[in-house]
Amino acid sequence: MRIVLSLPRQLHDDMVRAAGLTASEYTVIMNLSEAPNRQLRMSDLASATGLSPSRTTRLVDALQSHGLVAKRASSVDGRGNLAELTSLGLSKLRSAWPAHVASVRGRILDHIPPGTLAKTAQALEAVAEQLEDSRVGAA
């Protein structure tokens, strides 16, 4: 529980200090950067980030006010909205990425004993898969 409570806060604080983005904002633009055409339906973005739909809407609106994300009605059905990463948003992500990597390295990777990183990664991947599978099964 110590890690579950403290690590996200520390990664968040590092990101705000280094890049001026909250961890949630970084997660939103990262997910958009990896999506086809750098865009996702708002409901899919909420699911990908693990945030509530209302929290996702507030974040996208804030990112849009800074020119990092554009939001528009879906041309497919007109009912849903799409969030799309702008060129400025992609530049912001690229400039924030080294800070994120440094934070993860300093907070996590540098504390894993040499020679055990691959096994640690494999174990954590198994845990993540189990958690994701149980979340999908509960939906």
N, C-alpha and C. Protein backbone atom coordinates (compact mmCIF):
# COMPACT_ATOMS: atom_id res chain seq x y z
N MET A 1 0.82 -1.19 0.00
CA MET A 1 0.00 0.00 0.00
C MET A 1 0.86 1.26 0.00
N ARG A 2 2.04 1.17 0.60
CA ARG A 2 2.91 2.35 0.62
C ARG A 2 3.24 2.79 -0.80
N ILE A 3 3.54 1.83 -1.66
CA ILE A 3 3.87 2.16 -3.05
C ILE A 3 2.63 2.68 -3.77
N VAL A 4 1.50 2.02 -3.59
CA VAL A 4 0.27 2.42 -4.26
C VAL A 4 -0.12 3.85 -3.90
N LEU A 5 0.13 4.24 -2.67
CA LEU A 5 -0.22 5.59 -2.24
C LEU A 5 0.82 6.64 -2.59
N SER A 6 2.09 6.30 -2.45
CA SER A 6 3.11 7.34 -2.62
C SER A 6 3.64 7.47 -4.05
N LEU A 7 3.77 6.39 -4.78
CA LEU A 7 4.39 6.47 -6.11
C LEU A 7 3.60 7.36 -7.08
N PRO A 8 2.29 7.19 -7.21
CA PRO A 8 1.58 8.09 -8.14
C PRO A 8 1.73 9.56 -7.78
N ARG A 9 1.69 9.88 -6.50
CA ARG A 9 1.86 11.27 -6.07
C ARG A 9 3.23 11.80 -6.46
N GLN A 10 4.25 10.99 -6.25
CA GLN A 10 5.61 11.43 -6.55
C GLN A 10 5.82 11.59 -8.06
N LEU A 11 5.32 10.64 -8.84
CA LEU A 11 5.43 10.77 -10.30
C LEU A 11 4.68 12.00 -10.78
N HIS A 12 3.50 12.25 -10.20
CA HIS A 12 2.71 13.44 -10.53
C HIS A 12 3.50 14.72 -10.21
N ASP A 13 4.03 14.80 -9.00
CA ASP A 13 4.78 15.99 -8.59
C ASP A 13 6.00 16.22 -9.48
N ASP A 14 6.70 15.14 -9.83
CA ASP A 14 7.86 15.25 -10.73
C ASP A 14 7.43 15.82 -12.08
N MET A 15 6.31 15.34 -12.61
CA MET A 15 5.84 15.78 -13.92
C MET A 15 5.42 17.25 -13.90
N VAL A 16 4.73 17.65 -12.85
CA VAL A 16 4.31 19.05 -12.74
C VAL A 16 5.53 19.95 -12.67
N ARG A 17 6.48 19.58 -11.82
CA ARG A 17 7.71 20.38 -11.66
C ARG A 17 8.51 20.47 -12.96
N ALA A 18 8.69 19.36 -13.63
CA ALA A 18 9.58 19.32 -14.80
C ALA A 18 8.92 19.78 -16.09
N ALA A 19 7.63 19.47 -16.26
CA ALA A 19 7.00 19.72 -17.57
C ALA A 19 5.75 20.60 -17.51
N GLY A 20 5.29 20.90 -16.31
CA GLY A 20 4.08 21.71 -16.20
C GLY A 20 2.81 20.97 -16.57
N LEU A 21 2.87 19.65 -16.56
CA LEU A 21 1.70 18.81 -16.83
C LEU A 21 1.41 17.97 -15.60
N THR A 22 0.13 17.76 -15.32
CA THR A 22 -0.21 16.79 -14.28
C THR A 22 -0.02 15.39 -14.86
N ALA A 23 0.04 14.42 -13.99
CA ALA A 23 0.16 13.03 -14.46
C ALA A 23 -1.04 12.65 -15.32
N SER A 24 -2.22 13.12 -14.94
CA SER A 24 -3.43 12.81 -15.73
C SER A 24 -3.37 13.47 -17.10
N GLU A 25 -2.92 14.71 -17.16
CA GLU A 25 -2.79 15.38 -18.46
C GLU A 25 -1.78 14.65 -19.34
N TYR A 26 -0.67 14.25 -18.75
CA TYR A 26 0.35 13.51 -19.50
C TYR A 26 -0.25 12.21 -20.02
N THR A 27 -1.01 11.52 -19.20
CA THR A 27 -1.62 10.25 -19.60
C THR A 27 -2.59 10.45 -20.76
N VAL A 28 -3.37 11.52 -20.71
CA VAL A 28 -4.31 11.80 -21.80
C VAL A 28 -3.56 12.05 -23.11
N ILE A 29 -2.57 12.93 -23.09
CA ILE A 29 -1.89 13.23 -24.36
C ILE A 29 -1.05 12.05 -24.84
N MET A 30 -0.52 11.26 -23.90
CA MET A 30 0.22 10.06 -24.30
C MET A 30 -0.70 9.07 -25.02
N ASN A 31 -1.89 8.83 -24.45
CA ASN A 31 -2.83 7.91 -25.09
C ASN A 31 -3.27 8.43 -26.45
N LEU A 32 -3.50 9.72 -26.57
CA LEU A 32 -3.88 10.27 -27.87
C LEU A 32 -2.74 10.13 -28.87
N SER A 33 -1.50 10.28 -28.41
CA SER A 33 -0.36 10.17 -29.33
C SER A 33 -0.22 8.77 -29.90
N GLU A 34 -0.68 7.78 -29.16
CA GLU A 34 -0.55 6.38 -29.59
C GLU A 34 -1.77 5.89 -30.37
N ALA A 35 -2.82 6.71 -30.46
CA ALA A 35 -4.06 6.31 -31.14
C ALA A 35 -3.95 6.57 -32.64
N PRO A 36 -4.72 5.82 -33.42
CA PRO A 36 -4.75 6.09 -34.87
C PRO A 36 -5.16 7.55 -35.12
N ASN A 37 -4.45 8.21 -35.98
CA ASN A 37 -4.70 9.62 -36.31
C ASN A 37 -4.63 10.53 -35.09
N ARG A 38 -4.02 10.05 -34.01
CA ARG A 38 -3.87 10.80 -32.76
C ARG A 38 -5.22 11.28 -32.21
N GLN A 39 -6.26 10.44 -32.38
CA GLN A 39 -7.57 10.82 -31.88
C GLN A 39 -8.31 9.62 -31.32
N LEU A 40 -9.16 9.89 -30.33
CA LEU A 40 -9.99 8.86 -29.70
C LEU A 40 -11.35 9.45 -29.36
N ARG A 41 -12.36 8.58 -29.39
CA ARG A 41 -13.65 8.99 -28.83
C ARG A 41 -13.44 9.26 -27.35
N MET A 42 -14.17 10.20 -26.81
CA MET A 42 -14.00 10.57 -25.42
C MET A 42 -14.21 9.37 -24.49
N SER A 43 -15.18 8.53 -24.79
CA SER A 43 -15.43 7.35 -23.95
C SER A 43 -14.25 6.38 -24.00
N ASP A 44 -13.64 6.23 -25.17
CA ASP A 44 -12.48 5.35 -25.30
C ASP A 44 -11.26 5.95 -24.59
N LEU A 45 -11.13 7.27 -24.65
CA LEU A 45 -10.04 7.94 -23.95
C LEU A 45 -10.20 7.77 -22.44
N ALA A 46 -11.42 7.90 -21.94
CA ALA A 46 -11.66 7.70 -20.50
C ALA A 46 -11.28 6.28 -20.10
N SER A 47 -11.67 5.33 -20.91
CA SER A 47 -11.34 3.93 -20.61
C SER A 47 -9.83 3.70 -20.65
N ALA A 48 -9.16 4.26 -21.65
CA ALA A 48 -7.72 4.06 -21.80
C ALA A 48 -6.93 4.68 -20.65
N THR A 49 -7.42 5.79 -20.12
CA THR A 49 -6.70 6.48 -19.05
C THR A 49 -7.09 6.01 -17.66
N GLY A 50 -8.20 5.28 -17.57
CA GLY A 50 -8.69 4.84 -16.26
C GLY A 50 -9.35 5.96 -15.49
N LEU A 51 -9.73 7.02 -16.18
CA LEU A 51 -10.39 8.16 -15.55
C LEU A 51 -11.89 8.12 -15.84
N SER A 52 -12.67 8.75 -15.01
CA SER A 52 -14.11 8.80 -15.25
C SER A 52 -14.39 9.65 -16.49
N PRO A 53 -15.52 9.42 -17.13
CA PRO A 53 -15.86 10.24 -18.30
C PRO A 53 -15.92 11.74 -17.97
N SER A 54 -16.46 12.10 -16.81
CA SER A 54 -16.54 13.52 -16.47
C SER A 54 -15.15 14.11 -16.22
N ARG A 55 -14.28 13.36 -15.56
CA ARG A 55 -12.91 13.82 -15.32
C ARG A 55 -12.16 13.96 -16.65
N THR A 56 -12.37 13.03 -17.55
CA THR A 56 -11.75 13.08 -18.87
C THR A 56 -12.21 14.32 -19.63
N THR A 57 -13.50 14.62 -19.58
CA THR A 57 -14.04 15.80 -20.24
C THR A 57 -13.41 17.07 -19.68
N ARG A 58 -13.30 17.17 -18.37
CA ARG A 58 -12.69 18.36 -17.76
C ARG A 58 -11.21 18.49 -18.18
N LEU A 59 -10.51 17.37 -18.19
CA LEU A 59 -9.09 17.41 -18.60
C LEU A 59 -8.94 17.81 -20.06
N VAL A 60 -9.73 17.22 -20.93
CA VAL A 60 -9.65 17.55 -22.36
C VAL A 60 -10.01 19.01 -22.57
N ASP A 61 -11.03 19.52 -21.87
CA ASP A 61 -11.38 20.93 -21.99
C ASP A 61 -10.22 21.83 -21.57
N ALA A 62 -9.55 21.47 -20.47
CA ALA A 62 -8.39 22.25 -20.00
C ALA A 62 -7.25 22.17 -21.01
N LEU A 63 -6.98 20.98 -21.53
CA LEU A 63 -5.92 20.82 -22.52
C LEU A 63 -6.25 21.57 -23.81
N GLN A 64 -7.53 21.60 -24.15
CA GLN A 64 -7.97 22.33 -25.34
C GLN A 64 -7.75 23.83 -25.15
N SER A 65 -7.99 24.33 -23.95
CA SER A 65 -7.79 25.77 -23.71
C SER A 65 -6.33 26.17 -23.84
N HIS A 66 -5.42 25.21 -23.74
CA HIS A 66 -3.99 25.46 -23.92
C HIS A 66 -3.50 25.09 -25.32
N GLY A 67 -4.43 24.66 -26.18
CA GLY A 67 -4.07 24.32 -27.56
C GLY A 67 -3.41 22.98 -27.74
N LEU A 68 -3.44 22.13 -26.69
CA LEU A 68 -2.77 20.83 -26.77
C LEU A 68 -3.66 19.74 -27.36
N VAL A 69 -4.96 19.92 -27.24
CA VAL A 69 -5.94 18.95 -27.70
C VAL A 69 -7.08 19.71 -28.38
N ALA A 70 -7.67 19.12 -29.40
CA ALA A 70 -8.87 19.67 -30.03
C ALA A 70 -10.00 18.68 -29.79
N LYS A 71 -11.19 19.19 -29.54
CA LYS A 71 -12.36 18.34 -29.33
C LYS A 71 -13.41 18.73 -30.36
N ARG A 72 -13.99 17.70 -30.98
CA ARG A 72 -15.02 17.96 -31.99
C ARG A 72 -16.01 16.81 -32.03
N ALA A 73 -17.15 17.07 -32.61
CA ALA A 73 -18.17 16.03 -32.75
C ALA A 73 -17.67 14.98 -33.73
N SER A 74 -18.02 13.74 -33.46
CA SER A 74 -17.64 12.64 -34.35
C SER A 74 -18.37 12.77 -35.68
N SER A 75 -17.63 12.63 -36.77
CA SER A 75 -18.25 12.67 -38.09
C SER A 75 -18.93 11.35 -38.43
N VAL A 76 -18.64 10.30 -37.64
CA VAL A 76 -19.21 8.98 -37.91
C VAL A 76 -20.68 8.93 -37.52
N ASP A 77 -20.99 9.37 -36.29
CA ASP A 77 -22.38 9.29 -35.85
C ASP A 77 -22.92 10.60 -35.29
N GLY A 78 -22.07 11.58 -35.08
CA GLY A 78 -22.51 12.87 -34.59
C GLY A 78 -22.92 12.90 -33.12
N ARG A 79 -22.98 11.74 -32.48
CA ARG A 79 -23.42 11.69 -31.09
C ARG A 79 -22.26 11.85 -30.12
N GLY A 80 -21.13 11.26 -30.44
CA GLY A 80 -19.99 11.31 -29.54
C GLY A 80 -19.00 12.39 -29.94
N ASN A 81 -18.10 12.68 -29.03
CA ASN A 81 -17.04 13.64 -29.31
C ASN A 81 -15.71 12.92 -29.44
N LEU A 82 -14.85 13.49 -30.25
CA LEU A 82 -13.49 13.00 -30.42
C LEU A 82 -12.53 13.99 -29.80
N ALA A 83 -11.50 13.47 -29.18
CA ALA A 83 -10.38 14.29 -28.72
C ALA A 83 -9.22 13.97 -29.65
N GLU A 84 -8.55 15.02 -30.11
CA GLU A 84 -7.43 14.84 -31.03
C GLU A 84 -6.24 15.64 -30.52
N LEU A 85 -5.09 15.00 -30.52
CA LEU A 85 -3.86 15.65 -30.11
C LEU A 85 -3.41 16.60 -31.20
N THR A 86 -3.15 17.85 -30.83
CA THR A 86 -2.68 18.83 -31.80
C THR A 86 -1.17 18.72 -31.97
N SER A 87 -0.65 19.42 -32.94
CA SER A 87 0.81 19.45 -33.12
C SER A 87 1.49 20.03 -31.89
N LEU A 88 0.89 21.06 -31.31
CA LEU A 88 1.44 21.64 -30.09
C LEU A 88 1.41 20.62 -28.95
N GLY A 89 0.33 19.84 -28.87
CA GLY A 89 0.23 18.80 -27.85
C GLY A 89 1.28 17.73 -28.02
N LEU A 90 1.55 17.35 -29.27
CA LEU A 90 2.58 16.36 -29.54
C LEU A 90 3.95 16.91 -29.16
N SER A 91 4.19 18.17 -29.45
CA SER A 91 5.46 18.80 -29.05
C SER A 91 5.60 18.82 -27.53
N LYS A 92 4.50 19.13 -26.84
CA LYS A 92 4.52 19.16 -25.37
C LYS A 92 4.83 17.77 -24.82
N LEU A 93 4.21 16.76 -25.41
CA LEU A 93 4.47 15.38 -24.99
C LEU A 93 5.93 15.02 -25.20
N ARG A 94 6.45 15.36 -26.35
CA ARG A 94 7.86 15.04 -26.66
C ARG A 94 8.82 15.75 -25.70
N SER A 95 8.48 16.96 -25.30
CA SER A 95 9.35 17.67 -24.36
C SER A 95 9.19 17.14 -22.94
N ALA A 96 8.01 16.60 -22.61
CA ALA A 96 7.77 16.06 -21.26
C ALA A 96 8.28 14.63 -21.10
N TRP A 97 8.40 13.91 -22.20
CA TRP A 97 8.76 12.50 -22.13
C TRP A 97 10.08 12.27 -21.40
N PRO A 98 11.15 13.01 -21.68
CA PRO A 98 12.40 12.76 -20.94
C PRO A 98 12.25 12.95 -19.42
N ALA A 99 11.43 13.91 -19.02
CA ALA A 99 11.19 14.13 -17.58
C ALA A 99 10.45 12.93 -16.98
N HIS A 100 9.51 12.40 -17.73
CA HIS A 100 8.77 11.23 -17.25
C HIS A 100 9.71 10.03 -17.11
N VAL A 101 10.53 9.81 -18.12
CA VAL A 101 11.48 8.69 -18.08
C VAL A 101 12.45 8.86 -16.91
N ALA A 102 12.94 10.06 -16.71
CA ALA A 102 13.86 10.31 -15.59
C ALA A 102 13.18 10.08 -14.26
N SER A 103 11.93 10.46 -14.15
CA SER A 103 11.18 10.26 -12.91
C SER A 103 10.99 8.77 -12.63
N VAL A 104 10.57 8.03 -13.64
CA VAL A 104 10.37 6.58 -13.48
C VAL A 104 11.70 5.90 -13.16
N ARG A 105 12.74 6.31 -13.84
CA ARG A 105 14.06 5.73 -13.57
C ARG A 105 14.48 6.01 -12.13
N GLY A 106 14.39 7.26 -11.72
CA GLY A 106 14.84 7.64 -10.38
C GLY A 106 13.98 7.09 -9.26
N ARG A 107 12.68 7.00 -9.51
CA ARG A 107 11.76 6.54 -8.46
C ARG A 107 11.62 5.02 -8.41
N ILE A 108 11.87 4.34 -9.54
CA ILE A 108 11.61 2.89 -9.59
C ILE A 108 12.83 2.11 -10.06
N LEU A 109 13.20 2.31 -11.32
CA LEU A 109 14.19 1.43 -11.96
C LEU A 109 15.55 1.43 -11.27
N ASP A 110 15.99 2.59 -10.80
CA ASP A 110 17.30 2.65 -10.14
C ASP A 110 17.34 1.88 -8.82
N HIS A 111 16.18 1.48 -8.31
CA HIS A 111 16.11 0.79 -7.02
C HIS A 111 15.90 -0.72 -7.17
N ILE A 112 15.89 -1.18 -8.40
CA ILE A 112 15.76 -2.62 -8.65
C ILE A 112 17.18 -3.17 -8.79
N PRO A 113 17.50 -4.20 -8.03
CA PRO A 113 18.87 -4.72 -8.06
C PRO A 113 19.32 -5.12 -9.47
N PRO A 114 20.57 -4.82 -9.79
CA PRO A 114 21.10 -5.19 -11.11
C PRO A 114 20.89 -6.68 -11.37
N GLY A 115 20.57 -6.98 -12.61
CA GLY A 115 20.38 -8.37 -13.00
C GLY A 115 18.98 -8.90 -12.74
N THR A 116 18.13 -8.13 -12.06
CA THR A 116 16.78 -8.61 -11.76
C THR A 116 15.69 -7.83 -12.49
N LEU A 117 16.09 -6.84 -13.29
CA LEU A 117 15.10 -5.99 -13.94
C LEU A 117 14.17 -6.79 -14.87
N ALA A 118 14.73 -7.68 -15.67
CA ALA A 118 13.90 -8.46 -16.60
C ALA A 118 12.88 -9.31 -15.85
N LYS A 119 13.32 -9.97 -14.79
CA LYS A 119 12.39 -10.79 -14.01
C LYS A 119 11.35 -9.93 -13.29
N THR A 120 11.77 -8.78 -12.81
CA THR A 120 10.83 -7.86 -12.15
C THR A 120 9.79 -7.38 -13.15
N ALA A 121 10.23 -7.00 -14.34
CA ALA A 121 9.32 -6.55 -15.38
C ALA A 121 8.34 -7.65 -15.77
N GLN A 122 8.83 -8.87 -15.87
CA GLN A 122 7.98 -10.01 -16.21
C GLN A 122 6.92 -10.24 -15.12
N ALA A 123 7.32 -10.16 -13.87
CA ALA A 123 6.38 -10.35 -12.77
C ALA A 123 5.33 -9.24 -12.74
N LEU A 124 5.76 -8.01 -12.92
CA LEU A 124 4.81 -6.90 -12.92
C LEU A 124 3.87 -6.96 -14.12
N GLU A 125 4.37 -7.41 -15.25
CA GLU A 125 3.52 -7.58 -16.43
C GLU A 125 2.43 -8.61 -16.16
N ALA A 126 2.78 -9.71 -15.49
CA ALA A 126 1.80 -10.73 -15.15
C ALA A 126 0.74 -10.16 -14.21
N VAL A 127 1.16 -9.35 -13.25
CA VAL A 127 0.20 -8.72 -12.33
C VAL A 127 -0.71 -7.77 -13.11
N ALA A 128 -0.13 -6.93 -13.98
CA ALA A 128 -0.92 -5.99 -14.76
C ALA A 128 -1.95 -6.72 -15.64
N GLU A 129 -1.53 -7.79 -16.28
CA GLU A 129 -2.46 -8.55 -17.13
C GLU A 129 -3.60 -9.12 -16.31
N GLN A 130 -3.30 -9.66 -15.14
CA GLN A 130 -4.34 -10.22 -14.28
C GLN A 130 -5.31 -9.13 -13.84
N LEU A 131 -4.79 -7.98 -13.48
CA LEU A 131 -5.66 -6.88 -13.06
C LEU A 131 -6.54 -6.39 -14.20
N GLU A 132 -5.97 -6.27 -15.38
CA GLU A 132 -6.74 -5.84 -16.55
C GLU A 132 -7.78 -6.87 -16.93
N ASP A 133 -7.42 -8.16 -16.87
CA ASP A 133 -8.38 -9.22 -17.18
C ASP A 133 -9.53 -9.22 -16.19
N SER A 134 -9.24 -9.02 -14.92
CA SER A 134 -10.32 -9.03 -13.92
C SER A 134 -11.20 -7.80 -14.05
N ARG A 135 -10.62 -6.66 -14.48
CA ARG A 135 -11.41 -5.45 -14.70
C ARG A 135 -12.35 -5.63 -15.88
N VAL A 136 -11.86 -6.25 -16.97
CA VAL A 136 -12.69 -6.49 -18.15
C VAL A 136 -13.80 -7.48 -17.81
N GLY A 137 -13.48 -8.50 -17.02
CA GLY A 137 -14.47 -9.50 -16.64
C GLY A 137 -15.56 -8.92 -15.75
N ALA A 138 -15.23 -7.88 -14.99
CA ALA A 138 -16.21 -7.26 -14.09
C ALA A 138 -17.12 -6.29 -14.83
N ALA A 139 -16.70 -5.86 -16.03
CA ALA A 139 -17.48 -4.85 -16.76
C ALA A 139 -18.71 -5.43 -17.41
